Amino acid sequence: MFIATTPTLKFSLPFDSNTIAAGYITLTQKNRNVIEKPLEEWTRSGTEVSVKLSQKETMLLSPDSNIEIQMRIRLNDGTALASRIFSATAERVLKDGEI
C-alpha cells in the first residue's frame, strides 16, 4: 500500500454483510492504531465489505514499515467475530503530500 494514495480494502465474508450490527477495520503500525474505520464508513454488498482510505489517512502511515489490518464485528444476534490479521507494507512515494 502506497502512502498518499486512496486504496480500497476489500473483505469477503462467509455470510451476508447486512447481518453486521457494529464493526471496525483497524490498521496498526508498531503496535499503535493508526487508522480506524467504523461500520458507518464501509460499503457493504452481499458477502463483500470494502472501505476506502483517503490520502490524509495513508499519509499517517510510516513508510517502509509493516501494517497490520484487522476487521472486528458484532452481528445482529450478538456474536462477536474478528478476521485474521493481514499484513502489508507501507510503501513510500517520491513526492510526498496530497495531490
N, C-alpha and C. Protein backbone atom coordinates (compact mmCIF):
# COMPACT_ATOMS: atom_id res chain seq x y z
N MET A 1 0.86 -1.16 0.00
CA MET A 1 0.00 0.00 0.00
C MET A 1 0.91 1.23 0.00
N PHE A 2 0.67 2.12 -0.94
CA PHE A 2 1.48 3.34 -1.02
C PHE A 2 0.86 4.44 -0.16
N ILE A 3 1.71 5.16 0.56
CA ILE A 3 1.22 6.30 1.32
C ILE A 3 0.78 7.38 0.34
N ALA A 4 -0.07 8.30 0.79
CA ALA A 4 -0.58 9.42 -0.01
C ALA A 4 -1.41 8.94 -1.21
N THR A 5 -2.02 7.75 -1.10
CA THR A 5 -2.92 7.25 -2.14
C THR A 5 -4.27 6.93 -1.51
N THR A 6 -5.20 6.44 -2.31
CA THR A 6 -6.56 6.16 -1.83
C THR A 6 -6.92 4.70 -2.10
N PRO A 7 -6.26 3.76 -1.42
CA PRO A 7 -6.57 2.35 -1.65
C PRO A 7 -7.92 1.95 -1.08
N THR A 8 -8.49 0.90 -1.63
CA THR A 8 -9.73 0.32 -1.12
C THR A 8 -9.41 -1.05 -0.55
N LEU A 9 -9.76 -1.27 0.70
CA LEU A 9 -9.58 -2.56 1.34
C LEU A 9 -10.86 -3.36 1.15
N LYS A 10 -10.74 -4.62 0.72
CA LYS A 10 -11.91 -5.45 0.46
C LYS A 10 -11.84 -6.73 1.28
N PHE A 11 -12.98 -7.10 1.86
CA PHE A 11 -13.10 -8.32 2.64
C PHE A 11 -14.25 -9.15 2.08
N SER A 12 -14.03 -10.45 1.95
CA SER A 12 -15.09 -11.38 1.56
C SER A 12 -15.49 -12.15 2.81
N LEU A 13 -16.78 -12.21 3.09
CA LEU A 13 -17.30 -12.84 4.29
C LEU A 13 -18.06 -14.12 3.95
N PRO A 14 -18.14 -15.06 4.89
CA PRO A 14 -18.91 -16.29 4.65
C PRO A 14 -20.40 -16.13 5.00
N PHE A 15 -20.87 -14.89 5.13
CA PHE A 15 -22.27 -14.59 5.46
C PHE A 15 -22.62 -13.23 4.89
N ASP A 16 -23.89 -12.89 4.89
CA ASP A 16 -24.34 -11.61 4.34
C ASP A 16 -23.87 -10.46 5.22
N SER A 17 -23.27 -9.47 4.61
CA SER A 17 -22.73 -8.33 5.37
C SER A 17 -23.81 -7.49 6.04
N ASN A 18 -25.05 -7.62 5.61
CA ASN A 18 -26.14 -6.86 6.25
C ASN A 18 -26.49 -7.40 7.63
N THR A 19 -25.92 -8.52 8.03
CA THR A 19 -26.14 -9.03 9.39
C THR A 19 -25.17 -8.41 10.40
N ILE A 20 -24.31 -7.51 9.94
CA ILE A 20 -23.35 -6.84 10.82
C ILE A 20 -24.02 -5.65 11.49
N ALA A 21 -23.99 -5.62 12.83
CA ALA A 21 -24.60 -4.53 13.59
C ALA A 21 -23.58 -3.45 13.96
N ALA A 22 -22.33 -3.84 14.16
CA ALA A 22 -21.27 -2.90 14.54
C ALA A 22 -19.94 -3.48 14.08
N GLY A 23 -18.98 -2.60 13.83
CA GLY A 23 -17.68 -3.11 13.43
C GLY A 23 -16.65 -2.02 13.22
N TYR A 24 -15.39 -2.47 13.16
CA TYR A 24 -14.26 -1.59 12.90
C TYR A 24 -13.27 -2.33 12.01
N ILE A 25 -12.63 -1.60 11.13
CA ILE A 25 -11.46 -2.09 10.41
C ILE A 25 -10.31 -1.23 10.93
N THR A 26 -9.31 -1.88 11.50
CA THR A 26 -8.22 -1.18 12.17
C THR A 26 -6.90 -1.46 11.46
N LEU A 27 -6.12 -0.41 11.24
CA LEU A 27 -4.77 -0.54 10.70
C LEU A 27 -3.80 -0.08 11.78
N THR A 28 -2.82 -0.92 12.08
CA THR A 28 -1.83 -0.58 13.09
C THR A 28 -0.43 -0.63 12.50
N GLN A 29 0.44 0.11 13.11
CA GLN A 29 1.87 0.07 12.82
C GLN A 29 2.60 0.22 14.14
N LYS A 30 3.61 -0.60 14.32
CA LYS A 30 4.44 -0.52 15.52
C LYS A 30 3.59 -0.55 16.79
N ASN A 31 2.58 -1.46 16.79
CA ASN A 31 1.69 -1.68 17.94
C ASN A 31 0.86 -0.47 18.35
N ARG A 32 0.58 0.42 17.41
CA ARG A 32 -0.32 1.54 17.71
C ARG A 32 -1.34 1.66 16.59
N ASN A 33 -2.60 1.93 16.97
CA ASN A 33 -3.66 2.12 15.98
C ASN A 33 -3.39 3.41 15.21
N VAL A 34 -3.35 3.30 13.91
CA VAL A 34 -3.09 4.47 13.07
C VAL A 34 -4.38 4.92 12.38
N ILE A 35 -5.13 3.96 11.84
CA ILE A 35 -6.37 4.27 11.14
C ILE A 35 -7.45 3.32 11.64
N GLU A 36 -8.62 3.87 11.95
CA GLU A 36 -9.74 3.04 12.37
C GLU A 36 -10.98 3.49 11.59
N LYS A 37 -11.58 2.54 10.87
CA LYS A 37 -12.74 2.84 10.03
C LYS A 37 -13.96 2.13 10.62
N PRO A 38 -14.92 2.89 11.16
CA PRO A 38 -16.13 2.29 11.73
C PRO A 38 -17.09 1.82 10.64
N LEU A 39 -18.04 1.00 11.02
CA LEU A 39 -19.03 0.43 10.11
C LEU A 39 -19.69 1.49 9.23
N GLU A 40 -19.93 2.65 9.77
CA GLU A 40 -20.62 3.72 9.05
C GLU A 40 -19.84 4.16 7.80
N GLU A 41 -18.55 3.85 7.73
CA GLU A 41 -17.72 4.26 6.59
C GLU A 41 -17.50 3.10 5.61
N TRP A 42 -18.10 1.95 5.86
CA TRP A 42 -17.94 0.79 4.99
C TRP A 42 -18.97 0.81 3.87
N THR A 43 -18.64 0.13 2.79
CA THR A 43 -19.60 -0.18 1.74
C THR A 43 -19.86 -1.68 1.83
N ARG A 44 -21.14 -2.07 1.92
CA ARG A 44 -21.50 -3.48 2.04
C ARG A 44 -22.38 -3.90 0.88
N SER A 45 -22.08 -5.06 0.34
CA SER A 45 -22.88 -5.61 -0.75
C SER A 45 -22.80 -7.12 -0.70
N GLY A 46 -23.90 -7.76 -0.33
CA GLY A 46 -23.90 -9.22 -0.22
C GLY A 46 -22.88 -9.67 0.81
N THR A 47 -21.95 -10.50 0.39
CA THR A 47 -20.92 -11.01 1.30
C THR A 47 -19.62 -10.20 1.23
N GLU A 48 -19.67 -9.05 0.58
CA GLU A 48 -18.47 -8.21 0.41
C GLU A 48 -18.55 -6.95 1.27
N VAL A 49 -17.40 -6.58 1.84
CA VAL A 49 -17.25 -5.33 2.58
C VAL A 49 -16.03 -4.63 2.02
N SER A 50 -16.15 -3.33 1.78
CA SER A 50 -14.99 -2.57 1.34
C SER A 50 -14.96 -1.23 2.08
N VAL A 51 -13.77 -0.69 2.19
CA VAL A 51 -13.59 0.62 2.82
C VAL A 51 -12.45 1.32 2.08
N LYS A 52 -12.69 2.58 1.77
CA LYS A 52 -11.69 3.36 1.04
C LYS A 52 -10.93 4.24 2.03
N LEU A 53 -9.62 4.28 1.87
CA LEU A 53 -8.78 5.15 2.69
C LEU A 53 -8.49 6.43 1.92
N SER A 54 -8.39 7.53 2.63
CA SER A 54 -8.08 8.81 2.00
C SER A 54 -6.57 9.02 1.93
N GLN A 55 -6.17 9.99 1.14
CA GLN A 55 -4.75 10.35 1.09
C GLN A 55 -4.26 10.76 2.48
N LYS A 56 -5.05 11.58 3.18
CA LYS A 56 -4.66 12.03 4.52
C LYS A 56 -4.46 10.84 5.46
N GLU A 57 -5.35 9.85 5.36
CA GLU A 57 -5.22 8.67 6.23
C GLU A 57 -3.95 7.89 5.91
N THR A 58 -3.69 7.63 4.64
CA THR A 58 -2.49 6.84 4.31
C THR A 58 -1.21 7.62 4.59
N MET A 59 -1.30 8.94 4.62
CA MET A 59 -0.12 9.74 4.98
C MET A 59 0.20 9.64 6.47
N LEU A 60 -0.70 9.08 7.27
CA LEU A 60 -0.42 8.83 8.68
C LEU A 60 0.48 7.62 8.88
N LEU A 61 0.61 6.79 7.84
CA LEU A 61 1.43 5.58 7.92
C LEU A 61 2.90 5.91 7.76
N SER A 62 3.75 5.17 8.46
CA SER A 62 5.20 5.34 8.33
C SER A 62 5.67 4.53 7.12
N PRO A 63 6.39 5.18 6.20
CA PRO A 63 6.85 4.45 5.00
C PRO A 63 7.85 3.36 5.34
N ASP A 64 7.88 2.34 4.47
CA ASP A 64 8.82 1.22 4.60
C ASP A 64 8.65 0.49 5.93
N SER A 65 7.41 0.39 6.38
CA SER A 65 7.11 -0.25 7.65
C SER A 65 5.89 -1.16 7.48
N ASN A 66 5.83 -2.22 8.28
CA ASN A 66 4.74 -3.18 8.22
C ASN A 66 3.44 -2.57 8.75
N ILE A 67 2.33 -2.91 8.08
CA ILE A 67 0.97 -2.52 8.51
C ILE A 67 0.23 -3.81 8.85
N GLU A 68 -0.51 -3.80 9.94
CA GLU A 68 -1.40 -4.91 10.26
C GLU A 68 -2.84 -4.41 10.13
N ILE A 69 -3.70 -5.25 9.52
CA ILE A 69 -5.07 -4.87 9.22
C ILE A 69 -6.00 -5.96 9.78
N GLN A 70 -7.03 -5.53 10.51
CA GLN A 70 -7.98 -6.50 11.05
C GLN A 70 -9.38 -5.90 11.09
N MET A 71 -10.38 -6.76 10.81
CA MET A 71 -11.79 -6.40 10.93
C MET A 71 -12.35 -7.08 12.17
N ARG A 72 -13.07 -6.30 13.00
CA ARG A 72 -13.81 -6.87 14.13
C ARG A 72 -15.25 -6.45 13.98
N ILE A 73 -16.16 -7.41 14.22
CA ILE A 73 -17.58 -7.12 14.03
C ILE A 73 -18.42 -7.75 15.13
N ARG A 74 -19.63 -7.19 15.27
CA ARG A 74 -20.67 -7.79 16.08
C ARG A 74 -21.88 -7.96 15.19
N LEU A 75 -22.41 -9.17 15.14
CA LEU A 75 -23.57 -9.46 14.31
C LEU A 75 -24.85 -9.06 15.03
N ASN A 76 -25.94 -9.01 14.29
CA ASN A 76 -27.25 -8.65 14.88
C ASN A 76 -27.63 -9.56 16.04
N ASP A 77 -27.19 -10.82 16.02
CA ASP A 77 -27.55 -11.76 17.10
C ASP A 77 -26.60 -11.67 18.30
N GLY A 78 -25.67 -10.71 18.28
CA GLY A 78 -24.74 -10.52 19.40
C GLY A 78 -23.41 -11.24 19.25
N THR A 79 -23.24 -12.09 18.25
CA THR A 79 -21.99 -12.81 18.02
C THR A 79 -20.89 -11.82 17.66
N ALA A 80 -19.74 -11.91 18.34
CA ALA A 80 -18.59 -11.05 18.05
C ALA A 80 -17.53 -11.88 17.32
N LEU A 81 -17.00 -11.34 16.24
CA LEU A 81 -16.02 -12.04 15.41
C LEU A 81 -14.86 -11.13 15.07
N ALA A 82 -13.72 -11.74 14.74
CA ALA A 82 -12.56 -11.00 14.27
C ALA A 82 -11.95 -11.74 13.09
N SER A 83 -11.46 -11.00 12.12
CA SER A 83 -10.76 -11.61 10.99
C SER A 83 -9.34 -11.95 11.43
N ARG A 84 -8.67 -12.72 10.61
CA ARG A 84 -7.25 -12.91 10.86
C ARG A 84 -6.58 -11.57 10.63
N ILE A 85 -5.37 -11.41 11.08
CA ILE A 85 -4.63 -10.17 10.89
C ILE A 85 -3.87 -10.27 9.58
N PHE A 86 -4.14 -9.32 8.69
CA PHE A 86 -3.47 -9.26 7.39
C PHE A 86 -2.29 -8.31 7.49
N SER A 87 -1.24 -8.58 6.73
CA SER A 87 -0.04 -7.73 6.73
C SER A 87 0.19 -7.12 5.36
N ALA A 88 0.67 -5.90 5.37
CA ALA A 88 1.06 -5.20 4.16
C ALA A 88 2.24 -4.30 4.52
N THR A 89 2.84 -3.71 3.52
CA THR A 89 3.93 -2.77 3.76
C THR A 89 3.50 -1.39 3.29
N ALA A 90 3.79 -0.38 4.09
CA ALA A 90 3.54 1.00 3.68
C ALA A 90 4.70 1.42 2.79
N GLU A 91 4.40 1.57 1.52
CA GLU A 91 5.43 1.94 0.55
C GLU A 91 5.52 3.46 0.46
N ARG A 92 6.72 3.95 0.33
CA ARG A 92 6.93 5.39 0.23
C ARG A 92 6.64 5.88 -1.20
N VAL A 93 6.41 7.15 -1.33
CA VAL A 93 6.26 7.80 -2.63
C VAL A 93 7.34 8.86 -2.72
N LEU A 94 7.75 9.19 -3.94
CA LEU A 94 8.82 10.16 -4.13
C LEU A 94 8.38 11.59 -3.84
N LYS A 95 7.16 11.94 -4.22
CA LYS A 95 6.62 13.26 -3.97
C LYS A 95 5.58 13.13 -2.88
N ASP A 96 5.89 13.56 -1.67
CA ASP A 96 5.00 13.42 -0.53
C ASP A 96 3.88 14.45 -0.59
N GLY A 97 2.83 14.21 0.14
CA GLY A 97 1.72 15.14 0.26
C GLY A 97 0.55 14.78 -0.63
N GLU A 98 -0.55 15.48 -0.41
CA GLU A 98 -1.76 15.24 -1.20
C GLU A 98 -1.62 15.86 -2.59
N ILE A 99 -2.29 15.20 -3.55
CA ILE A 99 -2.33 15.78 -4.90
C ILE A 99 -3.77 15.96 -5.30
